[in-house]
């Protein structure tokens, strides 16, 4: 499909995208939160993580793909 321009996507957003791909390209913010903690040994606040995911949606790298309980399911727009 396309490529991530590293000048337009910051380090944290790159980590989020890596976590989405490791999750099979489709998951929720709470799952990404757990994956980031395991991968990096740190946690982001849920609001910061939601903001970064929303920025990736606005850049066309993620899209909403449904909802489960109170969490949106996002999918990657790049392979």
C-alpha atoms as a PDB file:
ATOM      1  CA  UNK A   1       0.000   0.000   0.000  1.00  0.00           C
ATOM      2  CA  UNK A   2       2.464   2.651   1.117  1.00  0.00           C
ATOM      3  CA  UNK A   3       5.320   3.566   3.390  1.00  0.00           C
ATOM      4  CA  UNK A   4       5.682   5.471   6.620  1.00  0.00           C
ATOM      5  CA  UNK A   5       7.634   8.687   6.129  1.00  0.00           C
ATOM      6  CA  UNK A   6       9.776   8.837   9.263  1.00  0.00           C
ATOM      7  CA  UNK A   7       9.871  12.637   8.995  1.00  0.00           C
ATOM      8  CA  UNK A   8       6.095  12.759   9.437  1.00  0.00           C
ATOM      9  CA  UNK A   9       5.776  10.060  12.108  1.00  0.00           C
ATOM     10  CA  UNK A  10       7.556  10.431  15.415  1.00  0.00           C
ATOM     11  CA  UNK A  11       9.375   7.727  17.355  1.00  0.00           C
ATOM     12  CA  UNK A  12       6.426   6.996  19.653  1.00  0.00           C
ATOM     13  CA  UNK A  13       4.043   6.712  16.713  1.00  0.00           C
ATOM     14  CA  UNK A  14       6.484   4.321  15.019  1.00  0.00           C
ATOM     15  CA  UNK A  15       6.433   2.137  18.137  1.00  0.00           C
ATOM     16  CA  UNK A  16       2.621   2.179  18.102  1.00  0.00           C
ATOM     17  CA  UNK A  17       2.596   1.095  14.446  1.00  0.00           C
ATOM     18  CA  UNK A  18       5.071  -1.716  15.205  1.00  0.00           C
ATOM     19  CA  UNK A  19       2.763  -2.913  17.982  1.00  0.00           C
ATOM     20  CA  UNK A  20      -0.206  -2.891  15.593  1.00  0.00           C
ATOM     21  CA  UNK A  21       1.707  -4.989  13.061  1.00  0.00           C
ATOM     22  CA  UNK A  22       2.822  -7.385  15.806  1.00  0.00           C
ATOM     23  CA  UNK A  23      -0.847  -7.718  16.795  1.00  0.00           C
ATOM     24  CA  UNK A  24      -1.761  -8.734  13.253  1.00  0.00           C
ATOM     25  CA  UNK A  25      -2.699  -5.259  12.042  1.00  0.00           C
ATOM     26  CA  UNK A  26      -5.945  -4.932  14.005  1.00  0.00           C
ATOM     27  CA  UNK A  27      -6.383  -4.246  17.728  1.00  0.00           C
ATOM     28  CA  UNK A  28      -7.507  -1.812  20.443  1.00  0.00           C
ATOM     29  CA  UNK A  29      -5.749   0.950  22.370  1.00  0.00           C
ATOM     30  CA  UNK A  30      -5.798  -1.058  25.646  1.00  0.00           C
ATOM     31  CA  UNK A  31      -4.014  -3.929  23.864  1.00  0.00           C
ATOM     32  CA  UNK A  32      -1.449  -1.527  22.399  1.00  0.00           C
ATOM     33  CA  UNK A  33      -0.921  -0.093  25.879  1.00  0.00           C
ATOM     34  CA  UNK A  34       0.021  -3.564  27.169  1.00  0.00           C
ATOM     35  CA  UNK A  35       2.250  -4.273  24.161  1.00  0.00           C
ATOM     36  CA  UNK A  36       4.141  -0.986  24.556  1.00  0.00           C
ATOM     37  CA  UNK A  37       4.781  -1.684  28.227  1.00  0.00           C
ATOM     38  CA  UNK A  38       6.178  -5.131  27.377  1.00  0.00           C
ATOM     39  CA  UNK A  39       8.216  -3.796  24.446  1.00  0.00           C
ATOM     40  CA  UNK A  40       9.614  -0.623  26.010  1.00  0.00           C
ATOM     41  CA  UNK A  41       9.205  -1.150  29.723  1.00  0.00           C
ATOM     42  CA  UNK A  42       7.148   2.011  30.094  1.00  0.00           C
ATOM     43  CA  UNK A  43       3.537   3.100  29.940  1.00  0.00           C
ATOM     44  CA  UNK A  44       1.962   6.116  28.306  1.00  0.00           C
ATOM     45  CA  UNK A  45      -1.094   7.685  29.866  1.00  0.00           C
ATOM     46  CA  UNK A  46      -4.224   6.401  28.179  1.00  0.00           C
ATOM     47  CA  UNK A  47      -5.101   9.917  26.998  1.00  0.00           C
ATOM     48  CA  UNK A  48      -1.615  10.385  25.450  1.00  0.00           C
ATOM     49  CA  UNK A  49      -1.890   7.016  23.729  1.00  0.00           C
ATOM     50  CA  UNK A  50      -5.366   7.858  22.402  1.00  0.00           C
ATOM     51  CA  UNK A  51      -4.017  11.185  21.096  1.00  0.00           C
ATOM     52  CA  UNK A  52      -1.134   9.459  19.286  1.00  0.00           C
ATOM     53  CA  UNK A  53      -3.470   6.842  17.789  1.00  0.00           C
ATOM     54  CA  UNK A  54      -5.873   9.577  16.646  1.00  0.00           C
ATOM     55  CA  UNK A  55      -2.948  11.401  14.987  1.00  0.00           C
ATOM     56  CA  UNK A  56      -2.118   8.180  13.116  1.00  0.00           C
ATOM     57  CA  UNK A  57      -5.752   7.973  11.990  1.00  0.00           C
ATOM     58  CA  UNK A  58      -5.582  11.566  10.723  1.00  0.00           C
ATOM     59  CA  UNK A  59      -2.368  10.734   8.825  1.00  0.00           C
ATOM     60  CA  UNK A  60      -4.150   7.804   7.159  1.00  0.00           C
ATOM     61  CA  UNK A  61      -1.981   5.134   8.786  1.00  0.00           C
ATOM     62  CA  UNK A  62      -4.756   3.676  10.976  1.00  0.00           C
ATOM     63  CA  UNK A  63      -8.520   3.445  10.534  1.00  0.00           C
ATOM     64  CA  UNK A  64     -11.395   2.621  12.884  1.00  0.00           C
ATOM     65  CA  UNK A  65     -12.602  -0.913  12.190  1.00  0.00           C
ATOM     66  CA  UNK A  66     -15.347  -1.390  14.746  1.00  0.00           C
ATOM     67  CA  UNK A  67     -15.919  -1.277  18.464  1.00  0.00           C
ATOM     68  CA  UNK A  68     -15.720  -3.847  21.234  1.00  0.00           C
ATOM     69  CA  UNK A  69     -17.140  -2.985  24.653  1.00  0.00           C
ATOM     70  CA  UNK A  70     -15.986   0.631  25.146  1.00  0.00           C
ATOM     71  CA  UNK A  71     -12.871   0.451  22.944  1.00  0.00           C
ATOM     72  CA  UNK A  72     -12.547   1.204  19.266  1.00  0.00           C
ATOM     73  CA  UNK A  73     -10.823  -1.393  17.133  1.00  0.00           C
ATOM     74  CA  UNK A  74      -8.228   0.114  14.816  1.00  0.00           C
ATOM     75  CA  UNK A  75      -6.589  -1.466  11.800  1.00  0.00           C
ATOM     76  CA  UNK A  76      -3.458  -0.523   9.921  1.00  0.00           C
ATOM     77  CA  UNK A  77      -3.820   0.984   6.476  1.00  0.00           C
ATOM     78  CA  UNK A  78      -0.291  -0.139   5.556  1.00  0.00           C
ATOM     79  CA  UNK A  79       1.122  -3.635   5.339  1.00  0.00           C
END
